[in-house]
Amino acid sequence: MANLFLEIFTAVVAVAAAYFVYRQTITFRNSERSWVLGGVEDLSIQNVLVSKANGSDVVPVICTLRNYGVKPVWITAASWGLKVVESAANLPTEPDYGEWKRLETHVPLLPESTGRYVRHVLVISVAEFESVLAKKRELYVYGFASYKDAFGLPRESRFCFNYVGNPPCFQPGGPKNYNRYC
């Protein structure tokens, strides 16, 4: 009888130990994981003036992807979009990324502290940007990035920024489905 009790006790301890090792692995992955976040460099009336002075009828909108974490990641696909609308209600509930770029990179995107990031340039017409500055319309810049983290797990980030405020700048915004990190 004592041997049976000892065998059951040993089995229970082994199961509990396996569970704790599993939970420690999950905790380690979550604490060490990296987060790829999108960003947009701010615009101003100076961007319009420079574009006009250079004879251009478009203003560049510079989008970025940065790795905010401690481990490298590998970007597998990314896309950015830009919409000028009357209000947020005019945005589709699901973002339309159109043609997205598959980026099977073999070079990792290192943590943000290294200063490395992915950069992409969109354009908006001077006339559209002036209507945004006059607060007649709203500007949204959005995108996504699919990537593999240092543990080989697939991840995705969606992000959206609205050009608002006084003075205006890009701030996180847009419908719920435009912003997701998993």
Protein backbone atom coordinates (compact mmCIF):
# COMPACT_ATOMS: atom_id res chain seq x y z
CA MET A 1 0.00 0.00 0.00
CA ALA A 2 2.84 2.36 0.84
CA ASN A 3 4.42 1.69 -2.57
CA LEU A 4 1.14 2.52 -4.35
CA PHE A 5 0.86 5.79 -2.43
CA LEU A 6 4.48 6.64 -3.27
CA GLU A 7 3.91 5.90 -6.98
CA ILE A 8 0.78 8.10 -7.11
CA PHE A 9 2.55 10.90 -5.24
CA THR A 10 5.52 10.69 -7.65
CA ALA A 11 3.19 10.83 -10.67
CA VAL A 12 1.39 13.90 -9.28
CA VAL A 13 4.70 15.66 -8.62
CA ALA A 14 5.93 14.81 -12.15
CA VAL A 15 2.74 16.22 -13.74
CA ALA A 16 2.96 19.37 -11.60
CA ALA A 17 6.62 19.83 -12.52
CA ALA A 18 5.85 19.41 -16.24
CA TYR A 19 3.05 21.99 -15.96
CA PHE A 20 5.36 24.50 -14.23
CA VAL A 21 8.07 24.00 -16.88
CA TYR A 22 5.43 24.60 -19.58
CA ARG A 23 4.22 27.81 -17.88
CA GLN A 24 7.81 29.03 -17.43
CA THR A 25 8.44 28.50 -21.16
CA ILE A 26 5.33 30.52 -22.07
CA THR A 27 6.30 33.28 -19.64
CA PHE A 28 9.84 33.40 -21.05
CA ARG A 29 8.57 33.65 -24.64
CA ASN A 30 6.19 36.46 -23.73
CA SER A 31 8.72 38.41 -21.70
CA GLU A 32 11.42 38.09 -24.38
CA ARG A 33 9.24 38.59 -27.46
CA SER A 34 9.58 41.53 -29.76
CA TRP A 35 6.82 43.82 -30.96
CA VAL A 36 6.95 45.28 -34.45
CA LEU A 37 5.11 48.59 -34.52
CA GLY A 38 4.38 50.96 -37.37
CA GLY A 39 4.98 54.67 -37.29
CA VAL A 40 4.69 57.76 -39.47
CA GLU A 41 7.04 60.73 -39.52
CA ASP A 42 5.14 63.96 -38.92
CA LEU A 43 4.16 66.37 -41.68
CA SER A 44 3.65 70.11 -41.67
CA ILE A 45 2.89 72.99 -43.99
CA GLN A 46 6.66 73.12 -44.57
CA ASN A 47 6.37 69.78 -46.41
CA VAL A 48 3.88 71.40 -48.80
CA LEU A 49 6.10 74.44 -49.30
CA VAL A 50 9.15 72.27 -50.02
CA SER A 51 7.15 70.11 -52.46
CA LYS A 52 5.85 73.19 -54.28
CA ALA A 53 9.31 74.77 -54.36
CA ASN A 54 10.68 71.60 -55.96
CA GLY A 55 7.93 71.69 -58.59
CA SER A 56 6.21 68.60 -57.18
CA ASP A 57 2.46 68.18 -56.75
CA VAL A 58 2.82 65.46 -54.08
CA VAL A 59 3.95 65.40 -50.47
CA PRO A 60 5.91 62.34 -49.25
CA VAL A 61 4.56 60.48 -46.22
CA ILE A 62 7.30 58.39 -44.60
CA CYS A 63 6.17 55.20 -42.83
CA THR A 64 8.35 53.04 -40.62
CA LEU A 65 8.43 49.62 -38.96
CA ARG A 66 10.49 49.30 -35.79
CA ASN A 67 11.23 46.37 -33.52
CA TYR A 68 10.44 47.32 -29.92
CA GLY A 69 11.80 44.33 -28.08
CA VAL A 70 14.95 42.57 -27.04
CA LYS A 71 15.15 39.88 -29.72
CA PRO A 72 15.44 40.17 -33.53
CA VAL A 73 12.51 39.47 -35.86
CA TRP A 74 12.21 38.53 -39.53
CA ILE A 75 9.61 40.48 -41.55
CA THR A 76 7.75 38.18 -43.97
CA ALA A 77 5.20 40.63 -45.44
CA ALA A 78 4.27 44.29 -45.07
CA SER A 79 1.99 46.88 -46.59
CA TRP A 80 1.01 50.49 -46.06
CA GLY A 81 -1.97 52.50 -47.25
CA LEU A 82 -3.18 56.08 -47.13
CA LYS A 83 -6.75 57.40 -47.24
CA VAL A 84 -8.14 60.93 -47.20
CA VAL A 85 -11.80 60.81 -46.13
CA GLU A 86 -14.55 63.08 -44.83
CA SER A 87 -14.48 61.29 -41.44
CA ALA A 88 -13.47 58.01 -39.80
CA ALA A 89 -16.99 56.73 -40.52
CA ASN A 90 -16.03 56.67 -44.22
CA LEU A 91 -13.23 54.15 -43.65
CA PRO A 92 -14.07 50.51 -44.40
CA THR A 93 -14.35 48.38 -41.25
CA GLU A 94 -11.62 46.05 -42.60
CA PRO A 95 -8.50 47.75 -43.96
CA ASP A 96 -7.73 47.31 -47.65
CA TYR A 97 -4.00 46.76 -47.95
CA GLY A 98 -4.15 46.36 -51.73
CA GLU A 99 -0.92 45.03 -53.11
CA TRP A 100 1.20 44.00 -50.18
CA LYS A 101 4.87 43.27 -50.43
CA ARG A 102 6.17 39.88 -49.43
CA LEU A 103 9.47 40.49 -47.70
CA GLU A 104 11.10 37.12 -47.16
CA THR A 105 14.06 38.65 -45.42
CA HIS A 106 17.04 36.69 -44.26
CA VAL A 107 18.35 39.75 -42.48
CA PRO A 108 16.75 40.26 -39.07
CA LEU A 109 15.14 43.51 -37.98
CA LEU A 110 17.12 44.17 -34.83
CA PRO A 111 15.71 45.83 -31.71
CA GLU A 112 14.93 49.56 -31.95
CA SER A 113 17.90 50.47 -29.76
CA THR A 114 20.19 49.61 -32.72
CA GLY A 115 18.58 52.35 -34.83
CA ARG A 116 17.61 49.96 -37.66
CA TYR A 117 14.12 50.11 -39.12
CA VAL A 118 12.14 49.46 -42.30
CA ARG A 119 11.11 52.60 -44.22
CA HIS A 120 8.42 53.03 -46.90
CA VAL A 121 7.28 56.21 -48.67
CA LEU A 122 3.66 56.95 -49.63
CA VAL A 123 2.53 60.14 -51.37
CA ILE A 124 -0.43 62.46 -50.96
CA SER A 125 -1.29 65.23 -53.39
CA VAL A 126 -0.60 68.79 -52.28
CA ALA A 127 -4.30 69.64 -52.82
CA GLU A 128 -5.45 66.74 -50.60
CA PHE A 129 -2.94 67.60 -47.89
CA GLU A 130 -4.05 71.24 -47.92
CA SER A 131 -7.68 70.08 -47.43
CA VAL A 132 -6.49 68.05 -44.41
CA LEU A 133 -4.65 71.06 -42.99
CA ALA A 134 -7.82 73.14 -43.46
CA LYS A 135 -9.68 70.43 -41.46
CA LYS A 136 -12.07 69.76 -44.35
CA ARG A 137 -10.96 66.14 -44.61
CA GLU A 138 -9.09 63.58 -42.48
CA LEU A 139 -5.87 61.75 -43.33
CA TYR A 140 -5.33 58.12 -42.24
CA VAL A 141 -2.14 56.16 -42.79
CA TYR A 142 -2.34 52.45 -42.00
CA GLY A 143 -0.49 49.21 -42.56
CA PHE A 144 0.46 45.79 -41.36
CA ALA A 145 3.55 43.67 -40.83
CA SER A 146 3.72 39.89 -40.62
CA TYR A 147 6.87 38.59 -39.02
CA LYS A 148 8.49 35.68 -37.24
CA ASP A 149 9.87 36.28 -33.80
CA ALA A 150 13.14 34.90 -32.43
CA PHE A 151 11.33 31.70 -31.42
CA GLY A 152 10.04 31.15 -34.98
CA LEU A 153 6.44 31.98 -34.04
CA PRO A 154 4.37 33.90 -36.63
CA ARG A 155 3.17 37.33 -35.45
CA GLU A 156 1.20 40.19 -36.99
CA SER A 157 0.89 43.89 -36.25
CA ARG A 158 -1.73 46.21 -37.72
CA PHE A 159 -1.51 49.93 -37.15
CA CYS A 160 -3.35 53.11 -38.11
CA PHE A 161 -2.58 56.78 -37.57
CA ASN A 162 -4.83 59.82 -37.92
CA TYR A 163 -3.36 63.24 -38.70
CA VAL A 164 -5.03 65.42 -36.02
CA GLY A 165 -4.38 67.93 -33.27
CA ASN A 166 -3.15 71.46 -32.94
CA PRO A 167 -0.49 71.58 -34.21
CA PRO A 168 -1.40 68.54 -36.28
CA CYS A 169 0.58 65.33 -35.93
CA PHE A 170 0.04 61.61 -36.48
CA GLN A 171 -1.64 59.88 -33.56
CA PRO A 172 -2.86 56.29 -33.24
CA GLY A 173 -6.46 56.06 -34.39
CA GLY A 174 -8.87 54.53 -36.83
CA PRO A 175 -11.32 51.64 -36.54
CA LYS A 176 -10.63 48.71 -34.21
CA ASN A 177 -9.62 46.29 -37.00
CA TYR A 178 -6.87 48.67 -38.16
CA ASN A 179 -5.00 48.30 -34.86
CA ARG A 180 -4.11 44.81 -33.68
CA TYR A 181 -1.02 43.18 -32.27
CA CYS A 182 -0.80 39.41 -32.01
